[in-house]
Amino acid sequence: MTMPNPRETYLAASVSTATPSQLLVMLCERLVVDVQRGTEALRRGEPSQAHEPLLHAQEIVLELNASLDVTVWAGAAGLASLYDYLHHELVRANMVKDLQVAEYCLQTVTTLRDTWREAAGTLLAETA
């Protein structure tokens, strides 16, 4: 009998007990990690190592966009446009292995993550 991996057990418990806003922040944090990894690979001159993390980042952005309900708040359409643009730029960075585009995407997703983190903190404070 194999023992469960403690890290995987912890992650599964974290995800299953997280609020929707916490899940969103977790997803954005992973998005930043993926774009960082892809960007760092391009900086090192290892474009083949950039492919998988940038591809995963694209998938996360698609999921963020798909889960966005544009009827809930006035800014949702603008956020959907940002997600569309970000996805396009991640695809471009990955296809042509463009470090400048990857760095721009990293700045964008870092700002996005920080914004969602702040919003989640504000929501948590208001409900406490």
Protein backbone atom coordinates (compact mmCIF):
# COMPACT_ATOMS: atom_id res chain seq x y z
CA MET A 1 0.00 0.00 0.00
CA THR A 2 1.41 3.38 -1.00
CA MET A 3 1.19 6.34 1.32
CA PRO A 4 -0.58 9.42 -0.02
CA ASN A 5 1.67 12.32 -0.94
CA PRO A 6 1.33 14.88 1.89
CA ARG A 7 1.62 17.81 -0.52
CA GLU A 8 -1.13 16.46 -2.77
CA THR A 9 -3.33 15.73 0.26
CA TYR A 10 -2.84 19.28 1.52
CA LEU A 11 -3.57 20.81 -1.89
CA ALA A 12 -6.71 18.73 -2.32
CA ALA A 13 -7.95 19.78 1.11
CA SER A 14 -7.12 23.43 0.40
CA VAL A 15 -9.06 23.41 -2.85
CA SER A 16 -12.05 21.51 -1.49
CA THR A 17 -12.47 23.88 1.48
CA ALA A 18 -11.70 27.16 -0.31
CA THR A 19 -14.31 29.83 -0.94
CA PRO A 20 -14.94 30.90 -4.54
CA SER A 21 -12.84 34.03 -4.05
CA GLN A 22 -10.00 31.98 -2.55
CA LEU A 23 -10.16 29.58 -5.51
CA LEU A 24 -9.93 32.51 -7.89
CA VAL A 25 -6.86 33.84 -6.10
CA MET A 26 -5.28 30.36 -6.08
CA LEU A 27 -5.85 30.07 -9.81
CA CYS A 28 -4.32 33.50 -10.42
CA GLU A 29 -1.33 32.59 -8.26
CA ARG A 30 -0.74 29.50 -10.39
CA LEU A 31 -1.13 31.64 -13.51
CA VAL A 32 1.68 33.90 -12.30
CA VAL A 33 3.88 30.88 -11.52
CA ASP A 34 3.36 29.46 -15.01
CA VAL A 35 4.12 32.74 -16.77
CA GLN A 36 7.17 33.25 -14.53
CA ARG A 37 8.47 29.80 -15.45
CA GLY A 38 7.92 30.40 -19.15
CA THR A 39 9.52 33.83 -19.02
CA GLU A 40 12.53 32.56 -17.06
CA ALA A 41 13.05 29.77 -19.61
CA LEU A 42 13.04 32.31 -22.43
CA ARG A 43 15.51 34.50 -20.52
CA ARG A 44 17.82 31.50 -20.13
CA GLY A 45 17.63 30.85 -23.86
CA GLU A 46 15.70 27.58 -23.39
CA PRO A 47 12.56 28.16 -25.46
CA SER A 48 11.55 24.50 -25.39
CA GLN A 49 11.27 24.74 -21.60
CA ALA A 50 8.88 27.69 -21.95
CA HIS A 51 6.24 25.79 -23.90
CA GLU A 52 4.49 23.78 -21.17
CA PRO A 53 4.18 26.55 -18.57
CA LEU A 54 2.97 29.05 -21.17
CA LEU A 55 0.49 26.51 -22.49
CA HIS A 56 -0.82 25.88 -18.98
CA ALA A 57 -1.11 29.64 -18.46
CA GLN A 58 -3.24 29.83 -21.62
CA GLU A 59 -5.52 27.12 -20.25
CA ILE A 60 -5.93 28.99 -16.96
CA VAL A 61 -6.86 32.21 -18.77
CA LEU A 62 -9.41 30.32 -20.86
CA GLU A 63 -10.91 28.88 -17.66
CA LEU A 64 -11.01 32.29 -15.99
CA ASN A 65 -12.82 33.69 -19.02
CA ALA A 66 -15.23 30.76 -19.26
CA SER A 67 -16.20 31.06 -15.59
CA LEU A 68 -16.78 34.82 -15.82
CA ASP A 69 -20.45 35.76 -15.69
CA VAL A 70 -20.64 39.02 -17.63
CA THR A 71 -24.19 39.66 -16.39
CA VAL A 72 -23.21 40.00 -12.73
CA TRP A 73 -21.33 43.30 -12.70
CA ALA A 74 -20.65 46.20 -15.02
CA GLY A 75 -16.89 45.62 -15.32
CA ALA A 76 -17.20 41.98 -16.38
CA ALA A 77 -17.21 42.71 -20.12
CA GLY A 78 -13.97 44.65 -19.79
CA LEU A 79 -12.43 41.84 -17.78
CA ALA A 80 -13.51 39.34 -20.45
CA SER A 81 -11.76 41.52 -23.05
CA LEU A 82 -8.63 41.55 -20.90
CA TYR A 83 -8.73 37.75 -20.63
CA ASP A 84 -9.15 37.45 -24.42
CA TYR A 85 -6.23 39.79 -25.05
CA LEU A 86 -4.05 38.08 -22.45
CA HIS A 87 -4.77 34.67 -23.98
CA HIS A 88 -3.84 36.00 -27.42
CA GLU A 89 -0.57 37.42 -26.10
CA LEU A 90 0.30 34.20 -24.24
CA VAL A 91 -0.26 32.23 -27.45
CA ARG A 92 1.94 34.69 -29.34
CA ALA A 93 4.69 34.56 -26.69
CA ASN A 94 4.62 30.77 -26.84
CA MET A 95 4.48 30.39 -30.61
CA VAL A 96 7.31 32.77 -31.45
CA LYS A 97 9.10 32.46 -28.10
CA ASP A 98 9.03 36.23 -27.65
CA LEU A 99 10.59 37.28 -24.34
CA GLN A 100 9.19 40.82 -24.50
CA VAL A 101 5.64 39.57 -24.92
CA ALA A 102 6.14 37.02 -22.13
CA GLU A 103 7.45 39.74 -19.81
CA TYR A 104 4.44 41.92 -20.63
CA CYS A 105 2.15 38.99 -19.86
CA LEU A 106 3.96 38.45 -16.56
CA GLN A 107 3.39 42.07 -15.55
CA THR A 108 -0.27 41.78 -16.51
CA VAL A 109 -0.96 38.54 -14.65
CA THR A 110 0.93 39.77 -11.59
CA THR A 111 -1.26 42.87 -11.47
CA LEU A 112 -4.34 40.73 -12.05
CA ARG A 113 -3.38 38.38 -9.21
CA ASP A 114 -2.69 41.27 -6.85
CA THR A 115 -6.02 42.87 -7.71
CA TRP A 116 -7.98 39.67 -7.12
CA ARG A 117 -6.04 39.05 -3.89
CA GLU A 118 -6.95 42.52 -2.64
CA ALA A 119 -10.60 42.09 -3.66
CA ALA A 120 -10.79 38.72 -1.89
CA GLY A 121 -9.27 40.26 1.24
CA THR A 122 -11.79 43.09 1.15
CA LEU A 123 -14.64 40.62 0.73
CA LEU A 124 -13.37 38.54 3.63
CA ALA A 125 -13.10 41.62 5.85
CA GLU A 126 -16.64 42.70 4.95
CA THR A 127 -18.12 39.30 5.77
CA ALA A 128 -16.21 38.93 9.05
